[in-house]
């Protein structure tokens, strides 16, 4: 009897262990086949988070679960992506991405262009840039790519003239007829500085967050053919993965294009 009981117990243990192994294999099925169906995307809250949400139904149809992590700055989304905490991010244009990747040695790249946010010059005090007084203060973004973009916009508006360099900074101002004082600030702070300065050059996402309408409130606005298209950024090693290909396709879908055109009515334009 003892021998029979021992054999039965051994059989039960074998079945139990086999069941656990099968359950584990089933639970890890997606990973073993390389099918990761969760996409974690870092984004600025406006308009990037909203545009991603317009793409989610198309991704859900393919079985994906999309998680959006909102960031309020221009640095952490890239470091979080490079560290593997995100699958992708959506908040930046190509010059900024390439500059930061080079400076911080981040192995990240981009897949598709999604939209263009025309940078604008805003003021609480002026109705046109011709009203700028001698020695007036203008604030611009303090990161190299957006600072350069702001200066190029002011040159196009006739406020200054720049030296012929690839990425001009304040020291590359060749002509400044009104002796404008330029101050560099973190991009999110620019709208809040409007009450203290003559004008500010603001990225559209931060202008929208501050209830500024680029088409109505900007004294001068970038052309819609701006090279600063916002892109989906990914780790270089993941660029050709099916998940990233599906995400890129969804972000360039007709549903997303329609959402951008109908929601922003020209203040933000599709780049595809």
C-alpha atoms as a PDB file:
ATOM      1  CA  UNK A   1       0.000   0.000   0.000  1.00  0.00           C
ATOM      2  CA  UNK A   2       2.817   2.365   0.853  1.00  0.00           C
ATOM      3  CA  UNK A   3       4.421   1.651  -2.498  1.00  0.00           C
ATOM      4  CA  UNK A   4       1.157   2.350  -4.366  1.00  0.00           C
ATOM      5  CA  UNK A   5       0.612   5.591  -2.434  1.00  0.00           C
ATOM      6  CA  UNK A   6       4.138   6.706  -3.247  1.00  0.00           C
ATOM      7  CA  UNK A   7       3.626   6.023  -6.938  1.00  0.00           C
ATOM      8  CA  UNK A   8       0.321   7.913  -6.940  1.00  0.00           C
ATOM      9  CA  UNK A   9       1.907  10.895  -5.198  1.00  0.00           C
ATOM     10  CA  UNK A  10       4.754  10.923  -7.692  1.00  0.00           C
ATOM     11  CA  UNK A  11       2.266  10.823 -10.553  1.00  0.00           C
ATOM     12  CA  UNK A  12       0.266  13.706  -9.107  1.00  0.00           C
ATOM     13  CA  UNK A  13       3.398  15.792  -8.633  1.00  0.00           C
ATOM     14  CA  UNK A  14       4.460  15.130 -12.210  1.00  0.00           C
ATOM     15  CA  UNK A  15       1.054  16.212 -13.538  1.00  0.00           C
ATOM     16  CA  UNK A  16       1.128  19.324 -11.358  1.00  0.00           C
ATOM     17  CA  UNK A  17       4.594  20.320 -12.484  1.00  0.00           C
ATOM     18  CA  UNK A  18       3.716  19.668 -16.111  1.00  0.00           C
ATOM     19  CA  UNK A  19       0.606  21.826 -15.742  1.00  0.00           C
ATOM     20  CA  UNK A  20       2.612  24.660 -14.212  1.00  0.00           C
ATOM     21  CA  UNK A  21       5.151  24.453 -17.019  1.00  0.00           C
ATOM     22  CA  UNK A  22       2.407  24.550 -19.626  1.00  0.00           C
ATOM     23  CA  UNK A  23       0.732  27.483 -17.878  1.00  0.00           C
ATOM     24  CA  UNK A  24       4.030  29.380 -17.731  1.00  0.00           C
ATOM     25  CA  UNK A  25       4.706  28.661 -21.375  1.00  0.00           C
ATOM     26  CA  UNK A  26       1.221  29.877 -22.240  1.00  0.00           C
ATOM     27  CA  UNK A  27       1.636  33.026 -20.130  1.00  0.00           C
ATOM     28  CA  UNK A  28       4.946  33.832 -21.782  1.00  0.00           C
ATOM     29  CA  UNK A  29       3.640  33.087 -25.256  1.00  0.00           C
ATOM     30  CA  UNK A  30       3.877  36.623 -26.585  1.00  0.00           C
ATOM     31  CA  UNK A  31       7.453  37.039 -25.390  1.00  0.00           C
ATOM     32  CA  UNK A  32       8.657  33.678 -26.726  1.00  0.00           C
ATOM     33  CA  UNK A  33       7.309  34.475 -30.183  1.00  0.00           C
ATOM     34  CA  UNK A  34       8.507  38.082 -30.068  1.00  0.00           C
ATOM     35  CA  UNK A  35       4.953  39.428 -30.122  1.00  0.00           C
ATOM     36  CA  UNK A  36       4.871  42.277 -27.620  1.00  0.00           C
ATOM     37  CA  UNK A  37       1.437  43.851 -27.977  1.00  0.00           C
ATOM     38  CA  UNK A  38       1.871  46.764 -25.562  1.00  0.00           C
ATOM     39  CA  UNK A  39       3.176  50.079 -26.893  1.00  0.00           C
ATOM     40  CA  UNK A  40       4.370  52.652 -24.352  1.00  0.00           C
ATOM     41  CA  UNK A  41       4.723  56.130 -25.865  1.00  0.00           C
ATOM     42  CA  UNK A  42       6.073  59.259 -24.207  1.00  0.00           C
ATOM     43  CA  UNK A  43       4.477  62.514 -25.339  1.00  0.00           C
ATOM     44  CA  UNK A  44       3.913  66.175 -24.601  1.00  0.00           C
ATOM     45  CA  UNK A  45       0.340  66.721 -23.467  1.00  0.00           C
ATOM     46  CA  UNK A  46      -0.655  69.133 -26.269  1.00  0.00           C
ATOM     47  CA  UNK A  47      -1.038  68.315 -29.096  1.00  0.00           C
ATOM     48  CA  UNK A  48       0.995  65.108 -29.122  1.00  0.00           C
ATOM     49  CA  UNK A  49      -1.020  63.085 -26.619  1.00  0.00           C
ATOM     50  CA  UNK A  50      -4.244  64.026 -28.422  1.00  0.00           C
ATOM     51  CA  UNK A  51      -2.863  63.038 -31.820  1.00  0.00           C
ATOM     52  CA  UNK A  52      -1.696  59.671 -30.485  1.00  0.00           C
ATOM     53  CA  UNK A  53      -5.183  59.058 -29.127  1.00  0.00           C
ATOM     54  CA  UNK A  54      -6.542  59.553 -32.641  1.00  0.00           C
ATOM     55  CA  UNK A  55      -4.319  56.680 -33.795  1.00  0.00           C
ATOM     56  CA  UNK A  56      -5.204  54.271 -30.961  1.00  0.00           C
ATOM     57  CA  UNK A  57      -8.329  52.704 -32.546  1.00  0.00           C
ATOM     58  CA  UNK A  58      -6.290  51.564 -35.545  1.00  0.00           C
ATOM     59  CA  UNK A  59      -3.675  50.018 -33.264  1.00  0.00           C
ATOM     60  CA  UNK A  60      -6.295  48.346 -31.089  1.00  0.00           C
ATOM     61  CA  UNK A  61      -7.702  46.695 -34.204  1.00  0.00           C
ATOM     62  CA  UNK A  62      -4.314  45.003 -34.574  1.00  0.00           C
ATOM     63  CA  UNK A  63      -4.402  43.806 -30.978  1.00  0.00           C
ATOM     64  CA  UNK A  64      -2.192  46.446 -29.388  1.00  0.00           C
ATOM     65  CA  UNK A  65      -2.635  48.086 -26.007  1.00  0.00           C
ATOM     66  CA  UNK A  66      -1.352  51.671 -26.042  1.00  0.00           C
ATOM     67  CA  UNK A  67      -0.066  53.429 -22.922  1.00  0.00           C
ATOM     68  CA  UNK A  68       0.787  57.146 -23.059  1.00  0.00           C
ATOM     69  CA  UNK A  69       3.190  58.710 -20.564  1.00  0.00           C
ATOM     70  CA  UNK A  70       3.003  62.510 -20.486  1.00  0.00           C
ATOM     71  CA  UNK A  71       6.182  64.572 -20.101  1.00  0.00           C
ATOM     72  CA  UNK A  72       6.464  68.291 -19.458  1.00  0.00           C
ATOM     73  CA  UNK A  73      10.013  68.798 -20.685  1.00  0.00           C
ATOM     74  CA  UNK A  74      12.148  68.139 -23.762  1.00  0.00           C
ATOM     75  CA  UNK A  75      14.862  65.957 -22.170  1.00  0.00           C
ATOM     76  CA  UNK A  76      13.346  63.086 -20.190  1.00  0.00           C
ATOM     77  CA  UNK A  77      11.325  61.595 -23.082  1.00  0.00           C
ATOM     78  CA  UNK A  78      14.536  60.887 -24.988  1.00  0.00           C
ATOM     79  CA  UNK A  79      16.533  59.540 -22.062  1.00  0.00           C
ATOM     80  CA  UNK A  80      13.569  57.357 -21.035  1.00  0.00           C
ATOM     81  CA  UNK A  81      13.374  56.057 -24.602  1.00  0.00           C
ATOM     82  CA  UNK A  82      17.090  55.303 -24.775  1.00  0.00           C
ATOM     83  CA  UNK A  83      16.917  53.558 -21.384  1.00  0.00           C
ATOM     84  CA  UNK A  84      14.128  51.265 -22.576  1.00  0.00           C
ATOM     85  CA  UNK A  85      11.349  52.717 -20.416  1.00  0.00           C
ATOM     86  CA  UNK A  86       9.431  53.737 -23.548  1.00  0.00           C
ATOM     87  CA  UNK A  87       8.897  52.052 -26.901  1.00  0.00           C
ATOM     88  CA  UNK A  88       8.674  55.399 -28.685  1.00  0.00           C
ATOM     89  CA  UNK A  89       8.156  59.087 -28.066  1.00  0.00           C
ATOM     90  CA  UNK A  90       6.377  61.851 -29.895  1.00  0.00           C
ATOM     91  CA  UNK A  91       7.169  65.450 -29.013  1.00  0.00           C
ATOM     92  CA  UNK A  92      10.114  66.689 -31.080  1.00  0.00           C
ATOM     93  CA  UNK A  93      11.332  67.638 -34.524  1.00  0.00           C
ATOM     94  CA  UNK A  94      14.282  66.076 -36.338  1.00  0.00           C
ATOM     95  CA  UNK A  95      16.935  68.773 -35.648  1.00  0.00           C
ATOM     96  CA  UNK A  96      16.258  68.590 -31.900  1.00  0.00           C
ATOM     97  CA  UNK A  97      16.367  64.784 -31.869  1.00  0.00           C
ATOM     98  CA  UNK A  98      19.613  64.635 -33.827  1.00  0.00           C
ATOM     99  CA  UNK A  99      21.253  67.323 -31.697  1.00  0.00           C
ATOM    100  CA  UNK A 100      20.338  65.657 -28.390  1.00  0.00           C
ATOM    101  CA  UNK A 101      21.235  62.177 -29.627  1.00  0.00           C
ATOM    102  CA  UNK A 102      24.663  63.456 -30.623  1.00  0.00           C
ATOM    103  CA  UNK A 103      25.294  65.452 -27.428  1.00  0.00           C
ATOM    104  CA  UNK A 104      24.187  62.691 -25.044  1.00  0.00           C
ATOM    105  CA  UNK A 105      25.248  59.694 -27.150  1.00  0.00           C
ATOM    106  CA  UNK A 106      21.721  58.273 -27.375  1.00  0.00           C
ATOM    107  CA  UNK A 107      21.120  55.499 -29.883  1.00  0.00           C
ATOM    108  CA  UNK A 108      17.748  56.784 -31.037  1.00  0.00           C
ATOM    109  CA  UNK A 109      16.320  57.705 -34.424  1.00  0.00           C
ATOM    110  CA  UNK A 110      12.965  58.457 -36.039  1.00  0.00           C
ATOM    111  CA  UNK A 111      10.545  56.678 -38.336  1.00  0.00           C
ATOM    112  CA  UNK A 112       7.833  58.973 -39.748  1.00  0.00           C
ATOM    113  CA  UNK A 113       6.958  62.662 -39.809  1.00  0.00           C
ATOM    114  CA  UNK A 114       3.512  63.346 -38.354  1.00  0.00           C
ATOM    115  CA  UNK A 115       2.817  67.073 -38.183  1.00  0.00           C
ATOM    116  CA  UNK A 116       4.322  70.539 -38.260  1.00  0.00           C
ATOM    117  CA  UNK A 117       3.793  73.030 -35.448  1.00  0.00           C
ATOM    118  CA  UNK A 118       4.664  76.448 -36.864  1.00  0.00           C
ATOM    119  CA  UNK A 119       6.720  78.391 -34.315  1.00  0.00           C
ATOM    120  CA  UNK A 120       5.400  81.883 -33.665  1.00  0.00           C
ATOM    121  CA  UNK A 121       6.297  85.262 -32.195  1.00  0.00           C
ATOM    122  CA  UNK A 122       3.787  86.336 -29.516  1.00  0.00           C
ATOM    123  CA  UNK A 123       3.307  89.455 -27.411  1.00  0.00           C
ATOM    124  CA  UNK A 124       0.994  90.802 -24.731  1.00  0.00           C
ATOM    125  CA  UNK A 125       2.080  94.367 -25.526  1.00  0.00           C
ATOM    126  CA  UNK A 126       2.526  94.644 -29.292  1.00  0.00           C
ATOM    127  CA  UNK A 127       0.122  94.324 -32.196  1.00  0.00           C
ATOM    128  CA  UNK A 128       2.926  94.026 -34.766  1.00  0.00           C
ATOM    129  CA  UNK A 129       6.687  93.579 -34.673  1.00  0.00           C
ATOM    130  CA  UNK A 130       7.265  97.053 -36.134  1.00  0.00           C
ATOM    131  CA  UNK A 131       6.278  98.379 -32.693  1.00  0.00           C
ATOM    132  CA  UNK A 132       9.392  96.918 -31.028  1.00  0.00           C
ATOM    133  CA  UNK A 133      11.200  99.673 -29.154  1.00  0.00           C
ATOM    134  CA  UNK A 134      14.936 100.259 -28.845  1.00  0.00           C
ATOM    135  CA  UNK A 135      16.432  97.755 -26.386  1.00  0.00           C
ATOM    136  CA  UNK A 136      13.241  95.701 -26.053  1.00  0.00           C
ATOM    137  CA  UNK A 137      13.571  92.181 -24.647  1.00  0.00           C
ATOM    138  CA  UNK A 138      12.595  89.049 -26.574  1.00  0.00           C
ATOM    139  CA  UNK A 139      12.743  85.575 -25.036  1.00  0.00           C
ATOM    140  CA  UNK A 140      13.548  82.484 -27.077  1.00  0.00           C
ATOM    141  CA  UNK A 141      13.995  78.749 -26.273  1.00  0.00           C
ATOM    142  CA  UNK A 142      17.296  77.864 -24.633  1.00  0.00           C
ATOM    143  CA  UNK A 143      17.955  74.550 -26.389  1.00  0.00           C
ATOM    144  CA  UNK A 144      20.238  74.862 -29.436  1.00  0.00           C
ATOM    145  CA  UNK A 145      17.870  73.599 -32.132  1.00  0.00           C
ATOM    146  CA  UNK A 146      14.792  75.582 -31.077  1.00  0.00           C
ATOM    147  CA  UNK A 147      16.875  78.640 -30.207  1.00  0.00           C
ATOM    148  CA  UNK A 148      18.321  78.574 -33.702  1.00  0.00           C
ATOM    149  CA  UNK A 149      14.860  78.081 -35.157  1.00  0.00           C
ATOM    150  CA  UNK A 150      13.572  81.109 -33.230  1.00  0.00           C
ATOM    151  CA  UNK A 151      16.398  83.333 -34.443  1.00  0.00           C
ATOM    152  CA  UNK A 152      15.848  82.250 -38.043  1.00  0.00           C
ATOM    153  CA  UNK A 153      12.171  83.133 -37.646  1.00  0.00           C
ATOM    154  CA  UNK A 154      13.054  86.590 -36.303  1.00  0.00           C
ATOM    155  CA  UNK A 155      15.439  87.086 -39.204  1.00  0.00           C
ATOM    156  CA  UNK A 156      12.656  86.188 -41.613  1.00  0.00           C
ATOM    157  CA  UNK A 157      10.429  88.708 -39.826  1.00  0.00           C
ATOM    158  CA  UNK A 158      13.043  91.425 -40.381  1.00  0.00           C
ATOM    159  CA  UNK A 159      13.991  91.923 -36.731  1.00  0.00           C
ATOM    160  CA  UNK A 160      17.636  90.812 -37.034  1.00  0.00           C
ATOM    161  CA  UNK A 161      20.156  89.478 -39.535  1.00  0.00           C
ATOM    162  CA  UNK A 162      22.282  86.400 -38.844  1.00  0.00           C
ATOM    163  CA  UNK A 163      25.675  85.180 -39.957  1.00  0.00           C
ATOM    164  CA  UNK A 164      25.572  82.412 -42.538  1.00  0.00           C
ATOM    165  CA  UNK A 165      26.048  79.451 -40.185  1.00  0.00           C
ATOM    166  CA  UNK A 166      24.281  76.097 -40.010  1.00  0.00           C
ATOM    167  CA  UNK A 167      22.765  76.483 -36.527  1.00  0.00           C
ATOM    168  CA  UNK A 168      22.931  80.131 -35.466  1.00  0.00           C
ATOM    169  CA  UNK A 169      22.878  81.216 -31.834  1.00  0.00           C
ATOM    170  CA  UNK A 170      22.698  84.630 -30.191  1.00  0.00           C
ATOM    171  CA  UNK A 171      26.426  85.200 -30.803  1.00  0.00           C
ATOM    172  CA  UNK A 172      25.768  84.819 -34.542  1.00  0.00           C
ATOM    173  CA  UNK A 173      23.532  87.901 -34.777  1.00  0.00           C
ATOM    174  CA  UNK A 174      25.199  90.096 -37.398  1.00  0.00           C
ATOM    175  CA  UNK A 175      22.751  92.999 -37.401  1.00  0.00           C
ATOM    176  CA  UNK A 176      20.437  94.087 -34.587  1.00  0.00           C
ATOM    177  CA  UNK A 177      19.108  97.549 -35.588  1.00  0.00           C
ATOM    178  CA  UNK A 178      16.965  98.021 -32.462  1.00  0.00           C
ATOM    179  CA  UNK A 179      19.520  96.507 -30.070  1.00  0.00           C
ATOM    180  CA  UNK A 180      17.039  93.874 -29.007  1.00  0.00           C
ATOM    181  CA  UNK A 181      18.004  92.063 -25.803  1.00  0.00           C
ATOM    182  CA  UNK A 182      17.629  88.291 -26.167  1.00  0.00           C
ATOM    183  CA  UNK A 183      17.014  86.044 -23.177  1.00  0.00           C
ATOM    184  CA  UNK A 184      16.991  82.250 -23.351  1.00  0.00           C
ATOM    185  CA  UNK A 185      14.504  80.274 -21.266  1.00  0.00           C
ATOM    186  CA  UNK A 186      13.287  76.690 -20.999  1.00  0.00           C
ATOM    187  CA  UNK A 187      10.599  76.277 -23.646  1.00  0.00           C
ATOM    188  CA  UNK A 188       7.749  75.587 -21.167  1.00  0.00           C
ATOM    189  CA  UNK A 189       8.435  78.918 -19.415  1.00  0.00           C
ATOM    190  CA  UNK A 190       8.097  81.088 -22.516  1.00  0.00           C
ATOM    191  CA  UNK A 191       4.314  81.733 -22.369  1.00  0.00           C
ATOM    192  CA  UNK A 192       4.582  82.723 -18.697  1.00  0.00           C
ATOM    193  CA  UNK A 193       7.270  85.267 -19.566  1.00  0.00           C
ATOM    194  CA  UNK A 194       5.020  87.212 -21.948  1.00  0.00           C
ATOM    195  CA  UNK A 195       3.844  89.617 -19.241  1.00  0.00           C
ATOM    196  CA  UNK A 196       7.433  90.669 -18.523  1.00  0.00           C
ATOM    197  CA  UNK A 197       8.938  91.035 -22.003  1.00  0.00           C
ATOM    198  CA  UNK A 198       8.156  92.670 -25.319  1.00  0.00           C
ATOM    199  CA  UNK A 199       7.765  89.367 -27.164  1.00  0.00           C
ATOM    200  CA  UNK A 200       8.441  85.646 -26.970  1.00  0.00           C
ATOM    201  CA  UNK A 201       9.133  83.060 -29.657  1.00  0.00           C
ATOM    202  CA  UNK A 202       7.080  80.046 -28.608  1.00  0.00           C
ATOM    203  CA  UNK A 203       6.711  76.484 -29.832  1.00  0.00           C
ATOM    204  CA  UNK A 204       3.120  75.783 -30.839  1.00  0.00           C
ATOM    205  CA  UNK A 205       2.553  73.002 -28.292  1.00  0.00           C
ATOM    206  CA  UNK A 206       3.324  75.401 -25.429  1.00  0.00           C
ATOM    207  CA  UNK A 207       1.350  78.192 -27.091  1.00  0.00           C
ATOM    208  CA  UNK A 208      -1.710  75.935 -27.266  1.00  0.00           C
ATOM    209  CA  UNK A 209      -1.303  74.912 -23.625  1.00  0.00           C
ATOM    210  CA  UNK A 210      -1.353  78.636 -22.750  1.00  0.00           C
ATOM    211  CA  UNK A 211      -4.581  79.146 -24.743  1.00  0.00           C
ATOM    212  CA  UNK A 212      -2.796  81.052 -27.489  1.00  0.00           C
ATOM    213  CA  UNK A 213      -4.148  80.535 -30.983  1.00  0.00           C
ATOM    214  CA  UNK A 214      -1.217  80.541 -33.454  1.00  0.00           C
ATOM    215  CA  UNK A 215      -3.363  81.709 -36.360  1.00  0.00           C
ATOM    216  CA  UNK A 216      -4.941  84.581 -34.423  1.00  0.00           C
ATOM    217  CA  UNK A 217      -2.426  85.531 -31.739  1.00  0.00           C
ATOM    218  CA  UNK A 218       0.984  85.166 -33.371  1.00  0.00           C
ATOM    219  CA  UNK A 219       2.535  88.377 -34.691  1.00  0.00           C
ATOM    220  CA  UNK A 220       4.616  86.289 -37.059  1.00  0.00           C
ATOM    221  CA  UNK A 221       4.336  82.592 -37.849  1.00  0.00           C
ATOM    222  CA  UNK A 222       6.499  80.033 -39.608  1.00  0.00           C
ATOM    223  CA  UNK A 223       5.427  78.932 -43.071  1.00  0.00           C
ATOM    224  CA  UNK A 224       3.695  75.564 -43.353  1.00  0.00           C
ATOM    225  CA  UNK A 225       6.693  74.255 -45.321  1.00  0.00           C
ATOM    226  CA  UNK A 226       8.873  74.416 -42.196  1.00  0.00           C
ATOM    227  CA  UNK A 227      11.494  71.637 -42.041  1.00  0.00           C
ATOM    228  CA  UNK A 228      10.762  71.140 -38.356  1.00  0.00           C
ATOM    229  CA  UNK A 229       8.253  68.296 -38.617  1.00  0.00           C
ATOM    230  CA  UNK A 230       7.443  66.401 -35.428  1.00  0.00           C
ATOM    231  CA  UNK A 231       8.374  62.730 -35.643  1.00  0.00           C
ATOM    232  CA  UNK A 232       7.979  59.357 -33.969  1.00  0.00           C
ATOM    233  CA  UNK A 233      11.289  58.634 -32.213  1.00  0.00           C
ATOM    234  CA  UNK A 234      12.414  55.092 -31.413  1.00  0.00           C
ATOM    235  CA  UNK A 235      15.516  53.173 -30.395  1.00  0.00           C
ATOM    236  CA  UNK A 236      17.586  52.446 -33.489  1.00  0.00           C
ATOM    237  CA  UNK A 237      17.583  48.717 -32.756  1.00  0.00           C
ATOM    238  CA  UNK A 238      13.755  48.670 -32.761  1.00  0.00           C
ATOM    239  CA  UNK A 239      13.170  50.702 -35.913  1.00  0.00           C
ATOM    240  CA  UNK A 240      12.382  47.675 -38.103  1.00  0.00           C
ATOM    241  CA  UNK A 241      10.319  45.780 -35.512  1.00  0.00           C
ATOM    242  CA  UNK A 242       6.729  44.977 -36.421  1.00  0.00           C
ATOM    243  CA  UNK A 243       5.412  46.911 -33.436  1.00  0.00           C
ATOM    244  CA  UNK A 244       7.183  50.101 -34.486  1.00  0.00           C
ATOM    245  CA  UNK A 245       6.148  49.637 -38.122  1.00  0.00           C
ATOM    246  CA  UNK A 246       2.520  49.307 -37.027  1.00  0.00           C
ATOM    247  CA  UNK A 247       2.804  52.380 -34.794  1.00  0.00           C
ATOM    248  CA  UNK A 248       4.333  54.434 -37.614  1.00  0.00           C
ATOM    249  CA  UNK A 249       1.621  53.341 -40.029  1.00  0.00           C
ATOM    250  CA  UNK A 250      -1.100  54.278 -37.544  1.00  0.00           C
ATOM    251  CA  UNK A 251       0.427  57.721 -36.955  1.00  0.00           C
ATOM    252  CA  UNK A 252       0.397  58.367 -40.705  1.00  0.00           C
ATOM    253  CA  UNK A 253      -3.153  57.118 -41.182  1.00  0.00           C
ATOM    254  CA  UNK A 254      -6.060  58.961 -42.769  1.00  0.00           C
ATOM    255  CA  UNK A 255      -7.744  59.017 -39.349  1.00  0.00           C
ATOM    256  CA  UNK A 256      -4.837  60.970 -37.856  1.00  0.00           C
ATOM    257  CA  UNK A 257      -4.629  63.333 -40.822  1.00  0.00           C
ATOM    258  CA  UNK A 258      -8.352  64.067 -40.575  1.00  0.00           C
ATOM    259  CA  UNK A 259      -8.084  64.632 -36.820  1.00  0.00           C
ATOM    260  CA  UNK A 260      -5.230  67.135 -37.218  1.00  0.00           C
ATOM    261  CA  UNK A 261      -6.960  69.046 -40.010  1.00  0.00           C
ATOM    262  CA  UNK A 262     -10.359  69.211 -38.303  1.00  0.00           C
ATOM    263  CA  UNK A 263      -9.087  69.899 -34.780  1.00  0.00           C
ATOM    264  CA  UNK A 264      -6.357  72.467 -35.368  1.00  0.00           C
ATOM    265  CA  UNK A 265      -7.668  74.120 -38.540  1.00  0.00           C
ATOM    266  CA  UNK A 266      -4.276  75.177 -39.861  1.00  0.00           C
ATOM    267  CA  UNK A 267      -2.466  76.035 -36.633  1.00  0.00           C
ATOM    268  CA  UNK A 268      -0.967  72.535 -36.854  1.00  0.00           C
ATOM    269  CA  UNK A 269      -0.700  70.794 -40.221  1.00  0.00           C
ATOM    270  CA  UNK A 270      -0.098  67.155 -41.238  1.00  0.00           C
ATOM    271  CA  UNK A 271       3.404  66.394 -42.518  1.00  0.00           C
ATOM    272  CA  UNK A 272       2.394  63.330 -44.550  1.00  0.00           C
END
